[in-house]
Amino acid sequence: MILLMYVNCVAQPPLEKGDFKDSDLVEVTTLDPTICLEIRYATDNNFVGRPVYEEARAFLQRPAAEALVKVNKELEPLGYGLLVFDGYRPWSVTKLFWDITPADKKKFVAKPSVGSRHNRGCAVDLTLYDLETGCEVIMTGAYDEMSKRSFKYYSGGTAQQRAMRDILIQKMESHGFKGFYNEWWHFDYKGWENYRLQNIPFSEIK
């Protein structure tokens, strides 16, 4: 908690010039409660090894959140739903990630000097879950795994794992999201550049 308060108070995102859309962050589960959450950064089950969020919630800019609901509806007849790991992320958390990540792994984290699309509310980390069992679908690599198994086009793993990963990518990209080549779970929503970097804690989002 002390660390969170220090990061939020001291670190501030770079000043951006230009015209930006007003932020309209919405809580994803208020639009579709069947979208499941597993907000790892609110727990110690993450690469930091401790919570960096005070609340286990997921927010996105409204157009991105509405598109995510459409993806979830399309997956239902296939027997799957969306399991969200992260959405909007305060800039100070991005800076923390950068600061603690070794140099040879920094391709898996965003530079604070330019910020992350998560900081704009236009990126989401997610996977699939099985509607019948409620279990997370096994992909080619684990969430936040800093290895080649995380690559969007990784050719290893089993045929089933690659097929499930590709279903997720296809459904997301058909609704305005674009997958990130280093991380199969990360998707940016179109028009992300129209929103400012933000450093608002979850508790202050209206």
N, C-alpha and C. Protein backbone atom coordinates (compact mmCIF):
# COMPACT_ATOMS: atom_id res chain seq x y z
N MET A 1 0.83 -1.20 0.00
CA MET A 1 0.00 0.00 0.00
C MET A 1 0.87 1.26 0.00
N ILE A 2 1.92 1.26 0.83
CA ILE A 2 2.83 2.40 0.87
C ILE A 2 3.46 2.62 -0.49
N LEU A 3 3.87 1.52 -1.15
CA LEU A 3 4.48 1.63 -2.47
C LEU A 3 3.51 2.24 -3.47
N LEU A 4 2.25 1.78 -3.42
CA LEU A 4 1.25 2.29 -4.34
C LEU A 4 1.07 3.80 -4.16
N MET A 5 0.98 4.24 -2.92
CA MET A 5 0.78 5.66 -2.66
C MET A 5 1.97 6.48 -3.14
N TYR A 6 3.18 5.96 -2.93
CA TYR A 6 4.38 6.67 -3.36
C TYR A 6 4.42 6.81 -4.88
N VAL A 7 4.16 5.71 -5.58
CA VAL A 7 4.20 5.72 -7.04
C VAL A 7 3.16 6.69 -7.59
N ASN A 8 1.93 6.63 -7.06
CA ASN A 8 0.86 7.47 -7.58
C ASN A 8 1.12 8.95 -7.32
N CYS A 9 1.77 9.28 -6.19
CA CYS A 9 1.98 10.68 -5.84
C CYS A 9 3.18 11.29 -6.55
N VAL A 10 4.23 10.52 -6.75
CA VAL A 10 5.47 11.08 -7.26
C VAL A 10 5.55 11.01 -8.78
N ALA A 11 5.26 9.88 -9.37
CA ALA A 11 5.41 9.69 -10.81
C ALA A 11 4.22 10.26 -11.55
N GLN A 12 4.49 11.02 -12.61
CA GLN A 12 3.43 11.60 -13.42
C GLN A 12 3.71 11.34 -14.89
N PRO A 13 2.68 11.11 -15.70
CA PRO A 13 2.89 10.84 -17.13
C PRO A 13 3.43 12.06 -17.85
N PRO A 14 4.09 11.84 -19.00
CA PRO A 14 4.59 12.98 -19.79
C PRO A 14 3.45 13.85 -20.28
N LEU A 15 3.72 15.14 -20.37
CA LEU A 15 2.72 16.09 -20.85
C LEU A 15 2.55 15.93 -22.35
N GLU A 16 1.32 15.76 -22.79
CA GLU A 16 1.03 15.57 -24.21
C GLU A 16 0.31 16.80 -24.77
N LYS A 17 0.71 17.20 -25.96
CA LYS A 17 0.07 18.33 -26.62
C LYS A 17 -0.89 17.82 -27.70
N GLY A 18 -1.90 18.60 -27.98
CA GLY A 18 -2.84 18.22 -29.02
C GLY A 18 -4.25 18.08 -28.48
N ASP A 19 -5.16 17.79 -29.38
CA ASP A 19 -6.56 17.60 -29.02
C ASP A 19 -6.84 16.12 -28.78
N PHE A 20 -7.50 15.84 -27.69
CA PHE A 20 -7.84 14.47 -27.34
C PHE A 20 -9.32 14.37 -27.00
N LYS A 21 -9.87 13.19 -27.18
CA LYS A 21 -11.25 12.93 -26.78
C LYS A 21 -11.35 12.93 -25.26
N ASP A 22 -12.52 13.30 -24.76
CA ASP A 22 -12.76 13.19 -23.33
C ASP A 22 -12.75 11.72 -22.93
N SER A 23 -12.12 11.44 -21.82
CA SER A 23 -12.08 10.07 -21.33
C SER A 23 -13.47 9.64 -20.87
N ASP A 24 -13.85 8.42 -21.23
CA ASP A 24 -15.14 7.85 -20.82
C ASP A 24 -14.92 6.40 -20.41
N LEU A 25 -14.13 6.23 -19.36
CA LEU A 25 -13.82 4.89 -18.88
C LEU A 25 -15.05 4.26 -18.24
N VAL A 26 -15.36 3.05 -18.66
CA VAL A 26 -16.49 2.33 -18.08
C VAL A 26 -16.01 0.98 -17.55
N GLU A 27 -16.66 0.52 -16.51
CA GLU A 27 -16.30 -0.77 -15.94
C GLU A 27 -16.89 -1.87 -16.82
N VAL A 28 -16.04 -2.73 -17.32
CA VAL A 28 -16.42 -3.72 -18.33
C VAL A 28 -17.58 -4.59 -17.85
N THR A 29 -17.55 -5.04 -16.62
CA THR A 29 -18.58 -5.98 -16.14
C THR A 29 -19.95 -5.32 -15.96
N THR A 30 -20.02 -3.98 -15.98
CA THR A 30 -21.33 -3.34 -15.91
C THR A 30 -22.05 -3.44 -17.25
N LEU A 31 -21.31 -3.61 -18.33
CA LEU A 31 -21.91 -3.79 -19.65
C LEU A 31 -22.25 -5.24 -19.93
N ASP A 32 -21.45 -6.15 -19.38
CA ASP A 32 -21.68 -7.58 -19.59
C ASP A 32 -21.11 -8.35 -18.40
N PRO A 33 -21.96 -8.73 -17.44
CA PRO A 33 -21.48 -9.43 -16.25
C PRO A 33 -20.99 -10.85 -16.52
N THR A 34 -21.19 -11.36 -17.75
CA THR A 34 -20.68 -12.70 -18.07
C THR A 34 -19.22 -12.67 -18.49
N ILE A 35 -18.67 -11.46 -18.69
CA ILE A 35 -17.23 -11.34 -18.88
C ILE A 35 -16.58 -11.52 -17.52
N CYS A 36 -15.71 -12.50 -17.41
CA CYS A 36 -15.09 -12.81 -16.12
C CYS A 36 -13.80 -12.03 -15.93
N LEU A 37 -13.45 -11.80 -14.69
CA LEU A 37 -12.23 -11.08 -14.35
C LEU A 37 -11.28 -11.96 -13.55
N GLU A 38 -10.01 -11.81 -13.83
CA GLU A 38 -8.95 -12.34 -12.99
C GLU A 38 -7.84 -11.30 -12.99
N ILE A 39 -8.02 -10.28 -12.19
CA ILE A 39 -7.13 -9.13 -12.19
C ILE A 39 -5.89 -9.48 -11.37
N ARG A 40 -4.90 -10.03 -12.05
CA ARG A 40 -3.70 -10.52 -11.38
C ARG A 40 -2.93 -9.43 -10.65
N TYR A 41 -3.00 -8.19 -11.18
CA TYR A 41 -2.23 -7.11 -10.56
C TYR A 41 -2.84 -6.63 -9.25
N ALA A 42 -4.00 -7.15 -8.90
CA ALA A 42 -4.58 -6.86 -7.59
C ALA A 42 -4.20 -7.96 -6.59
N THR A 43 -3.36 -8.90 -7.01
CA THR A 43 -2.92 -10.00 -6.17
C THR A 43 -1.39 -10.07 -6.21
N ASP A 44 -0.84 -11.07 -5.55
CA ASP A 44 0.61 -11.28 -5.65
C ASP A 44 0.95 -12.31 -6.73
N ASN A 45 -0.06 -12.74 -7.49
CA ASN A 45 0.14 -13.70 -8.58
C ASN A 45 0.41 -12.94 -9.88
N ASN A 46 1.57 -12.28 -9.93
CA ASN A 46 1.97 -11.52 -11.12
C ASN A 46 3.48 -11.40 -11.11
N PHE A 47 4.04 -10.87 -12.18
CA PHE A 47 5.50 -10.85 -12.29
C PHE A 47 6.18 -9.88 -11.33
N VAL A 48 5.40 -8.97 -10.74
CA VAL A 48 5.94 -8.07 -9.72
C VAL A 48 6.10 -8.80 -8.39
N GLY A 49 5.18 -9.74 -8.15
CA GLY A 49 5.23 -10.52 -6.91
C GLY A 49 4.46 -9.90 -5.76
N ARG A 50 3.71 -8.82 -6.05
CA ARG A 50 2.90 -8.16 -5.02
C ARG A 50 1.79 -7.37 -5.72
N PRO A 51 0.74 -7.04 -5.01
CA PRO A 51 -0.34 -6.26 -5.63
C PRO A 51 0.14 -4.87 -6.03
N VAL A 52 -0.30 -4.42 -7.21
CA VAL A 52 -0.04 -3.05 -7.64
C VAL A 52 -1.34 -2.29 -7.87
N TYR A 53 -2.47 -2.98 -7.76
CA TYR A 53 -3.79 -2.36 -7.80
C TYR A 53 -4.44 -2.55 -6.44
N GLU A 54 -5.19 -1.56 -6.01
CA GLU A 54 -5.93 -1.67 -4.76
C GLU A 54 -7.27 -2.36 -4.95
N GLU A 55 -7.76 -2.42 -6.19
CA GLU A 55 -9.06 -3.00 -6.47
C GLU A 55 -8.98 -3.91 -7.69
N ALA A 56 -9.70 -5.02 -7.66
CA ALA A 56 -9.72 -5.98 -8.77
C ALA A 56 -10.85 -5.62 -9.73
N ARG A 57 -10.59 -4.60 -10.56
CA ARG A 57 -11.60 -4.09 -11.49
C ARG A 57 -10.97 -3.87 -12.85
N ALA A 58 -11.80 -3.82 -13.89
CA ALA A 58 -11.31 -3.61 -15.25
C ALA A 58 -12.14 -2.54 -15.93
N PHE A 59 -11.46 -1.53 -16.47
CA PHE A 59 -12.10 -0.41 -17.16
C PHE A 59 -11.53 -0.28 -18.58
N LEU A 60 -12.37 0.21 -19.50
CA LEU A 60 -11.93 0.55 -20.85
C LEU A 60 -12.70 1.78 -21.31
N GLN A 61 -12.16 2.49 -22.30
CA GLN A 61 -12.94 3.53 -22.93
C GLN A 61 -14.20 2.89 -23.52
N ARG A 62 -15.29 3.62 -23.48
CA ARG A 62 -16.60 3.02 -23.82
C ARG A 62 -16.63 2.29 -25.17
N PRO A 63 -16.10 2.87 -26.27
CA PRO A 63 -16.14 2.13 -27.53
C PRO A 63 -15.42 0.78 -27.46
N ALA A 64 -14.30 0.75 -26.75
CA ALA A 64 -13.56 -0.51 -26.62
C ALA A 64 -14.33 -1.50 -25.77
N ALA A 65 -14.95 -1.02 -24.70
CA ALA A 65 -15.73 -1.89 -23.83
C ALA A 65 -16.94 -2.47 -24.57
N GLU A 66 -17.59 -1.65 -25.37
CA GLU A 66 -18.74 -2.12 -26.14
C GLU A 66 -18.34 -3.15 -27.18
N ALA A 67 -17.16 -2.95 -27.79
CA ALA A 67 -16.65 -3.93 -28.76
C ALA A 67 -16.33 -5.25 -28.06
N LEU A 68 -15.81 -5.17 -26.85
CA LEU A 68 -15.47 -6.38 -26.09
C LEU A 68 -16.73 -7.20 -25.79
N VAL A 69 -17.82 -6.52 -25.51
CA VAL A 69 -19.09 -7.21 -25.26
C VAL A 69 -19.51 -7.98 -26.52
N LYS A 70 -19.32 -7.39 -27.68
CA LYS A 70 -19.68 -8.07 -28.94
C LYS A 70 -18.83 -9.33 -29.15
N VAL A 71 -17.54 -9.23 -28.82
CA VAL A 71 -16.67 -10.41 -28.93
C VAL A 71 -17.17 -11.51 -28.02
N ASN A 72 -17.50 -11.15 -26.79
CA ASN A 72 -17.96 -12.14 -25.82
C ASN A 72 -19.22 -12.85 -26.29
N LYS A 73 -20.14 -12.10 -26.90
CA LYS A 73 -21.39 -12.68 -27.41
C LYS A 73 -21.12 -13.66 -28.55
N GLU A 74 -20.14 -13.34 -29.40
CA GLU A 74 -19.82 -14.22 -30.52
C GLU A 74 -19.16 -15.52 -30.06
N LEU A 75 -18.49 -15.45 -28.93
CA LEU A 75 -17.81 -16.65 -28.42
C LEU A 75 -18.77 -17.62 -27.76
N GLU A 76 -19.89 -17.11 -27.28
CA GLU A 76 -20.83 -17.95 -26.52
C GLU A 76 -21.29 -19.20 -27.26
N PRO A 77 -21.70 -19.10 -28.53
CA PRO A 77 -22.12 -20.32 -29.25
C PRO A 77 -21.00 -21.35 -29.40
N LEU A 78 -19.75 -20.91 -29.28
CA LEU A 78 -18.61 -21.81 -29.38
C LEU A 78 -18.27 -22.46 -28.05
N GLY A 79 -18.96 -22.00 -27.00
CA GLY A 79 -18.73 -22.58 -25.67
C GLY A 79 -17.68 -21.86 -24.85
N TYR A 80 -17.35 -20.62 -25.24
CA TYR A 80 -16.30 -19.89 -24.53
C TYR A 80 -16.75 -18.48 -24.17
N GLY A 81 -16.06 -17.90 -23.21
CA GLY A 81 -16.27 -16.51 -22.81
C GLY A 81 -14.92 -15.85 -22.60
N LEU A 82 -14.95 -14.55 -22.35
CA LEU A 82 -13.72 -13.80 -22.14
C LEU A 82 -13.36 -13.74 -20.66
N LEU A 83 -12.08 -13.89 -20.39
CA LEU A 83 -11.52 -13.78 -19.05
C LEU A 83 -10.49 -12.65 -19.10
N VAL A 84 -10.79 -11.55 -18.44
CA VAL A 84 -9.96 -10.34 -18.52
C VAL A 84 -8.95 -10.30 -17.38
N PHE A 85 -7.69 -10.08 -17.75
CA PHE A 85 -6.61 -9.92 -16.78
C PHE A 85 -6.36 -8.46 -16.43
N ASP A 86 -6.54 -7.56 -17.41
CA ASP A 86 -6.24 -6.15 -17.18
C ASP A 86 -6.84 -5.30 -18.28
N GLY A 87 -7.22 -4.08 -17.92
CA GLY A 87 -7.73 -3.12 -18.89
C GLY A 87 -6.98 -1.82 -18.73
N TYR A 88 -7.71 -0.74 -18.40
CA TYR A 88 -7.04 0.53 -18.11
C TYR A 88 -6.03 0.33 -16.98
N ARG A 89 -4.86 0.93 -17.16
CA ARG A 89 -3.78 0.82 -16.17
C ARG A 89 -3.21 2.22 -15.91
N PRO A 90 -3.19 2.68 -14.67
CA PRO A 90 -2.58 3.97 -14.38
C PRO A 90 -1.13 4.02 -14.86
N TRP A 91 -0.72 5.19 -15.36
CA TRP A 91 0.63 5.34 -15.91
C TRP A 91 1.70 5.01 -14.88
N SER A 92 1.48 5.32 -13.63
CA SER A 92 2.48 5.06 -12.60
C SER A 92 2.80 3.58 -12.48
N VAL A 93 1.82 2.72 -12.77
CA VAL A 93 2.06 1.28 -12.74
C VAL A 93 2.92 0.86 -13.93
N THR A 94 2.69 1.47 -15.07
CA THR A 94 3.54 1.23 -16.24
C THR A 94 4.99 1.59 -15.93
N LYS A 95 5.19 2.71 -15.26
CA LYS A 95 6.55 3.12 -14.88
C LYS A 95 7.18 2.11 -13.93
N LEU A 96 6.40 1.63 -12.97
CA LEU A 96 6.91 0.61 -12.06
C LEU A 96 7.34 -0.63 -12.81
N PHE A 97 6.50 -1.09 -13.75
CA PHE A 97 6.85 -2.28 -14.54
C PHE A 97 8.17 -2.08 -15.28
N TRP A 98 8.33 -0.91 -15.89
CA TRP A 98 9.55 -0.62 -16.64
C TRP A 98 10.76 -0.62 -15.72
N ASP A 99 10.62 -0.01 -14.58
CA ASP A 99 11.75 0.14 -13.66
C ASP A 99 12.25 -1.19 -13.11
N ILE A 100 11.35 -2.15 -12.92
CA ILE A 100 11.76 -3.41 -12.30
C ILE A 100 12.08 -4.51 -13.31
N THR A 101 11.81 -4.27 -14.58
CA THR A 101 12.02 -5.31 -15.60
C THR A 101 13.46 -5.27 -16.10
N PRO A 102 14.13 -6.44 -16.14
CA PRO A 102 15.51 -6.48 -16.64
C PRO A 102 15.59 -6.00 -18.09
N ALA A 103 16.76 -5.50 -18.47
CA ALA A 103 16.96 -4.92 -19.79
C ALA A 103 16.60 -5.90 -20.91
N ASP A 104 16.93 -7.18 -20.75
CA ASP A 104 16.68 -8.15 -21.81
C ASP A 104 15.22 -8.56 -21.92
N LYS A 105 14.36 -8.07 -21.01
CA LYS A 105 12.94 -8.40 -21.04
C LYS A 105 12.06 -7.18 -21.30
N LYS A 106 12.68 -6.02 -21.53
CA LYS A 106 11.89 -4.79 -21.63
C LYS A 106 10.99 -4.73 -22.87
N LYS A 107 11.19 -5.65 -23.82
CA LYS A 107 10.28 -5.67 -24.97
C LYS A 107 8.88 -6.10 -24.57
N PHE A 108 8.74 -6.62 -23.34
CA PHE A 108 7.43 -7.05 -22.86
C PHE A 108 6.72 -5.98 -22.03
N VAL A 109 7.36 -4.81 -21.84
CA VAL A 109 6.74 -3.73 -21.08
C VAL A 109 6.85 -2.42 -21.86
N ALA A 110 5.99 -1.47 -21.54
CA ALA A 110 5.97 -0.20 -22.27
C ALA A 110 6.92 0.81 -21.64
N LYS A 111 7.49 1.67 -22.48
CA LYS A 111 8.35 2.74 -22.00
C LYS A 111 7.49 3.83 -21.35
N PRO A 112 7.82 4.24 -20.15
CA PRO A 112 7.05 5.33 -19.51
C PRO A 112 7.09 6.62 -20.30
N SER A 113 8.16 6.86 -21.05
CA SER A 113 8.29 8.11 -21.80
C SER A 113 7.24 8.25 -22.90
N VAL A 114 6.71 7.14 -23.37
CA VAL A 114 5.64 7.18 -24.37
C VAL A 114 4.33 6.62 -23.81
N GLY A 115 4.44 5.89 -22.71
CA GLY A 115 3.25 5.33 -22.09
C GLY A 115 2.74 4.10 -22.80
N SER A 116 1.74 3.49 -22.19
CA SER A 116 1.11 2.29 -22.72
C SER A 116 -0.29 2.62 -23.21
N ARG A 117 -0.77 1.84 -24.14
CA ARG A 117 -2.16 2.01 -24.57
C ARG A 117 -3.13 1.62 -23.45
N HIS A 118 -2.63 0.84 -22.50
CA HIS A 118 -3.40 0.58 -21.28
C HIS A 118 -3.68 1.88 -20.55
N ASN A 119 -2.68 2.78 -20.53
CA ASN A 119 -2.83 4.07 -19.82
C ASN A 119 -3.88 4.96 -20.47
N ARG A 120 -4.21 4.69 -21.71
CA ARG A 120 -5.22 5.46 -22.43
C ARG A 120 -6.61 4.81 -22.34
N GLY A 121 -6.66 3.63 -21.72
CA GLY A 121 -7.94 2.93 -21.59
C GLY A 121 -8.34 2.20 -22.85
N CYS A 122 -7.37 1.96 -23.73
CA CYS A 122 -7.66 1.35 -25.03
C CYS A 122 -6.91 0.06 -25.27
N ALA A 123 -6.47 -0.59 -24.21
CA ALA A 123 -5.81 -1.89 -24.35
C ALA A 123 -6.37 -2.84 -23.29
N VAL A 124 -6.44 -4.10 -23.66
CA VAL A 124 -6.96 -5.10 -22.74
C VAL A 124 -6.11 -6.36 -22.83
N ASP A 125 -5.86 -6.97 -21.69
CA ASP A 125 -5.18 -8.27 -21.61
C ASP A 125 -6.23 -9.30 -21.24
N LEU A 126 -6.33 -10.37 -22.00
CA LEU A 126 -7.39 -11.33 -21.74
C LEU A 126 -7.13 -12.67 -22.39
N THR A 127 -7.97 -13.63 -22.04
CA THR A 127 -7.92 -14.97 -22.62
C THR A 127 -9.34 -15.50 -22.70
N LEU A 128 -9.47 -16.81 -22.93
CA LEU A 128 -10.76 -17.46 -22.99
C LEU A 128 -10.97 -18.32 -21.76
N TYR A 129 -12.25 -18.51 -21.39
CA TYR A 129 -12.58 -19.51 -20.40
C TYR A 129 -13.69 -20.40 -20.94
N ASP A 130 -13.75 -21.63 -20.46
CA ASP A 130 -14.73 -22.62 -20.89
C ASP A 130 -16.04 -22.37 -20.15
N LEU A 131 -17.13 -22.14 -20.87
CA LEU A 131 -18.40 -21.83 -20.23
C LEU A 131 -18.94 -23.01 -19.42
N GLU A 132 -18.63 -24.21 -19.83
CA GLU A 132 -19.15 -25.39 -19.13
C GLU A 132 -18.41 -25.64 -17.83
N THR A 133 -17.10 -25.53 -17.86
CA THR A 133 -16.31 -25.86 -16.67
C THR A 133 -15.93 -24.62 -15.85
N GLY A 134 -15.96 -23.45 -16.49
CA GLY A 134 -15.52 -22.23 -15.83
C GLY A 134 -14.01 -22.09 -15.76
N CYS A 135 -13.29 -23.00 -16.41
CA CYS A 135 -11.83 -23.01 -16.33
C CYS A 135 -11.20 -22.19 -17.44
N GLU A 136 -10.07 -21.59 -17.13
CA GLU A 136 -9.28 -20.86 -18.12
C GLU A 136 -8.77 -21.82 -19.19
N VAL A 137 -8.84 -21.39 -20.43
CA VAL A 137 -8.34 -22.20 -21.54
C VAL A 137 -6.81 -22.12 -21.57
N ILE A 138 -6.17 -23.27 -21.77
CA ILE A 138 -4.72 -23.31 -21.83
C ILE A 138 -4.24 -22.84 -23.21
N MET A 139 -3.38 -21.82 -23.20
CA MET A 139 -2.82 -21.29 -24.44
C MET A 139 -1.37 -21.74 -24.60
N THR A 140 -0.69 -21.22 -25.60
CA THR A 140 0.69 -21.64 -25.88
C THR A 140 1.66 -21.19 -24.79
N GLY A 141 1.32 -20.14 -24.08
CA GLY A 141 2.14 -19.65 -22.99
C GLY A 141 1.26 -19.02 -21.94
N ALA A 142 1.81 -18.78 -20.76
CA ALA A 142 1.05 -18.20 -19.66
C ALA A 142 0.99 -16.68 -19.77
N TYR A 143 -0.03 -16.10 -19.18
CA TYR A 143 -0.16 -14.64 -19.15
C TYR A 143 1.06 -14.03 -18.46
N ASP A 144 1.60 -12.99 -19.08
CA ASP A 144 2.77 -12.26 -18.59
C ASP A 144 4.06 -13.09 -18.57
N GLU A 145 4.05 -14.20 -19.28
CA GLU A 145 5.28 -14.99 -19.42
C GLU A 145 6.21 -14.27 -20.40
N MET A 146 7.39 -13.95 -19.95
CA MET A 146 8.33 -13.19 -20.79
C MET A 146 9.24 -14.16 -21.54
N SER A 147 8.65 -14.83 -22.52
CA SER A 147 9.39 -15.79 -23.34
C SER A 147 8.76 -15.83 -24.72
N LYS A 148 9.40 -16.58 -25.61
CA LYS A 148 8.89 -16.68 -26.99
C LYS A 148 7.52 -17.36 -27.05
N ARG A 149 7.15 -18.09 -26.00
CA ARG A 149 5.84 -18.73 -25.99
C ARG A 149 4.70 -17.71 -25.97
N SER A 150 5.04 -16.48 -25.60
CA SER A 150 4.03 -15.42 -25.56
C SER A 150 3.79 -14.77 -26.91
N PHE A 151 4.66 -15.02 -27.89
CA PHE A 151 4.53 -14.36 -29.17
C PHE A 151 3.23 -14.74 -29.88
N LYS A 152 2.66 -13.77 -30.55
CA LYS A 152 1.39 -13.95 -31.25
C LYS A 152 1.45 -15.08 -32.27
N TYR A 153 2.60 -15.25 -32.92
CA TYR A 153 2.72 -16.27 -33.96
C TYR A 153 3.65 -17.41 -33.54
N TYR A 154 3.79 -17.63 -32.26
CA TYR A 154 4.61 -18.74 -31.77
C TYR A 154 4.08 -20.06 -32.34
N SER A 155 4.98 -20.85 -32.89
CA SER A 155 4.57 -22.09 -33.58
C SER A 155 4.65 -23.33 -32.69
N GLY A 156 5.08 -23.15 -31.45
CA GLY A 156 5.18 -24.28 -30.53
C GLY A 156 3.86 -24.53 -29.80
N GLY A 157 3.96 -25.33 -28.73
CA GLY A 157 2.75 -25.71 -28.03
C GLY A 157 2.01 -26.78 -28.79
N THR A 158 0.81 -27.10 -28.36
CA THR A 158 0.02 -28.12 -29.04
C THR A 158 -0.86 -27.47 -30.11
N ALA A 159 -1.36 -28.30 -31.00
CA ALA A 159 -2.26 -27.79 -32.04
C ALA A 159 -3.51 -27.17 -31.41
N GLN A 160 -4.01 -27.78 -30.33
CA GLN A 160 -5.19 -27.26 -29.65
C GLN A 160 -4.91 -25.89 -29.03
N GLN A 161 -3.75 -25.74 -28.41
CA GLN A 161 -3.40 -24.46 -27.81
C GLN A 161 -3.29 -23.36 -28.86
N ARG A 162 -2.66 -23.67 -29.98
CA ARG A 162 -2.54 -22.68 -31.05
C ARG A 162 -3.91 -22.35 -31.64
N ALA A 163 -4.76 -23.34 -31.74
CA ALA A 163 -6.10 -23.12 -32.30
C ALA A 163 -6.91 -22.19 -31.40
N MET A 164 -6.83 -22.40 -30.10
CA MET A 164 -7.58 -21.56 -29.17
C MET A 164 -7.04 -20.13 -29.16
N ARG A 165 -5.73 -20.01 -29.20
CA ARG A 165 -5.12 -18.68 -29.28
C ARG A 165 -5.59 -17.96 -30.54
N ASP A 166 -5.63 -18.67 -31.65
CA ASP A 166 -6.00 -18.05 -32.92
C ASP A 166 -7.48 -17.68 -32.96
N ILE A 167 -8.33 -18.45 -32.28
CA ILE A 167 -9.75 -18.09 -32.18
C ILE A 167 -9.88 -16.76 -31.45
N LEU A 168 -9.17 -16.64 -30.33
CA LEU A 168 -9.20 -15.40 -29.57
C LEU A 168 -8.75 -14.23 -30.42
N ILE A 169 -7.64 -14.38 -31.11
CA ILE A 169 -7.10 -13.31 -31.94
C ILE A 169 -8.07 -12.94 -33.06
N GLN A 170 -8.62 -13.95 -33.72
CA GLN A 170 -9.54 -13.69 -34.84
C GLN A 170 -10.79 -12.93 -34.38
N LYS A 171 -11.37 -13.35 -33.28
CA LYS A 171 -12.58 -12.70 -32.79
C LYS A 171 -12.30 -11.26 -32.35
N MET A 172 -11.18 -11.07 -31.66
CA MET A 172 -10.84 -9.72 -31.21
C MET A 172 -10.55 -8.80 -32.39
N GLU A 173 -9.79 -9.28 -33.36
CA GLU A 173 -9.41 -8.44 -34.49
C GLU A 173 -10.57 -8.15 -35.43
N SER A 174 -11.61 -8.97 -35.38
CA SER A 174 -12.79 -8.70 -36.21
C SER A 174 -13.68 -7.62 -35.60
N HIS A 175 -13.34 -7.17 -34.39
CA HIS A 175 -14.14 -6.13 -33.72
C HIS A 175 -13.30 -4.90 -33.35
N GLY A 176 -12.28 -4.61 -34.13
CA GLY A 176 -11.56 -3.35 -33.97
C GLY A 176 -10.34 -3.40 -33.07
N PHE A 177 -10.03 -4.56 -32.54
CA PHE A 177 -8.82 -4.70 -31.74
C PHE A 177 -7.68 -5.23 -32.61
N LYS A 178 -6.46 -4.95 -32.20
CA LYS A 178 -5.29 -5.48 -32.89
C LYS A 178 -4.38 -6.15 -31.89
N GLY A 179 -4.02 -7.40 -32.19
CA GLY A 179 -3.15 -8.14 -31.30
C GLY A 179 -1.73 -7.62 -31.33
N PHE A 180 -1.04 -7.76 -30.21
CA PHE A 180 0.34 -7.32 -30.08
C PHE A 180 1.26 -8.50 -30.35
N TYR A 181 2.28 -8.33 -31.20
CA TYR A 181 3.08 -9.46 -31.67
C TYR A 181 3.88 -10.14 -30.57
N ASN A 182 4.20 -9.43 -29.48
CA ASN A 182 4.98 -10.05 -28.40
C ASN A 182 4.14 -10.76 -27.36
N GLU A 183 2.82 -10.46 -27.36
CA GLU A 183 1.95 -10.98 -26.30
C GLU A 183 0.61 -11.41 -26.88
N TRP A 184 0.34 -12.69 -26.91
CA TRP A 184 -0.91 -13.18 -27.50
C TRP A 184 -2.14 -12.65 -26.77
N TRP A 185 -2.01 -12.27 -25.51
CA TRP A 185 -3.14 -11.83 -24.69
C TRP A 185 -3.45 -10.35 -24.79
N HIS A 186 -2.56 -9.56 -25.41
CA HIS A 186 -2.69 -8.10 -25.40
C HIS A 186 -3.32 -7.61 -26.71
N PHE A 187 -4.35 -6.76 -26.57
CA PHE A 187 -5.05 -6.22 -27.73
C PHE A 187 -5.28 -4.71 -27.55
N ASP A 188 -4.94 -3.94 -28.60
CA ASP A 188 -5.17 -2.50 -28.62
C ASP A 188 -6.41 -2.20 -29.45
N TYR A 189 -7.22 -1.27 -28.95
CA TYR A 189 -8.42 -0.91 -29.70
C TYR A 189 -8.14 0.26 -30.64
N LYS A 190 -8.78 0.22 -31.80
CA LYS A 190 -8.58 1.25 -32.81
C LYS A 190 -8.90 2.64 -32.22
N GLY A 191 -8.12 3.62 -32.65
CA GLY A 191 -8.33 4.99 -32.18
C GLY A 191 -7.73 5.28 -30.83
N TRP A 192 -6.86 4.39 -30.35
CA TRP A 192 -6.25 4.58 -29.03
C TRP A 192 -5.50 5.91 -28.93
N GLU A 193 -4.96 6.37 -30.07
CA GLU A 193 -4.17 7.60 -30.06
C GLU A 193 -5.01 8.85 -29.81
N ASN A 194 -6.32 8.71 -29.80
CA ASN A 194 -7.21 9.85 -29.58
C ASN A 194 -7.46 10.14 -28.10
N TYR A 195 -6.88 9.31 -27.22
CA TYR A 195 -7.09 9.48 -25.79
C TYR A 195 -5.75 9.78 -25.10
N ARG A 196 -5.80 10.58 -24.06
CA ARG A 196 -4.60 10.94 -23.32
C ARG A 196 -4.12 9.81 -22.41
N LEU A 197 -2.83 9.87 -22.10
CA LEU A 197 -2.28 9.04 -21.03
C LEU A 197 -2.93 9.49 -19.73
N GLN A 198 -3.28 8.53 -18.88
CA GLN A 198 -3.94 8.85 -17.62
C GLN A 198 -3.24 8.15 -16.46
N ASN A 199 -3.40 8.76 -15.29
CA ASN A 199 -2.80 8.20 -14.09
C ASN A 199 -3.82 8.20 -12.94
N ILE A 200 -5.07 7.94 -13.29
CA ILE A 200 -6.17 7.99 -12.32
C ILE A 200 -6.32 6.64 -11.63
N PRO A 201 -6.30 6.59 -10.31
CA PRO A 201 -6.55 5.32 -9.62
C PRO A 201 -8.00 4.86 -9.84
N PHE A 202 -8.23 3.56 -9.75
CA PHE A 202 -9.55 3.00 -9.99
C PHE A 202 -10.62 3.66 -9.12
N SER A 203 -10.26 3.96 -7.88
CA SER A 203 -11.23 4.49 -6.93
C SER A 203 -11.77 5.87 -7.32
N GLU A 204 -11.07 6.56 -8.23
CA GLU A 204 -11.49 7.91 -8.63
C GLU A 204 -12.20 7.92 -9.97
N ILE A 205 -12.38 6.77 -10.60
CA ILE A 205 -13.09 6.71 -11.88
C ILE A 205 -14.58 6.77 -11.60
N LYS A 206 -15.26 7.74 -12.20
CA LYS A 206 -16.69 7.92 -11.97
C LYS A 206 -17.51 6.91 -12.76
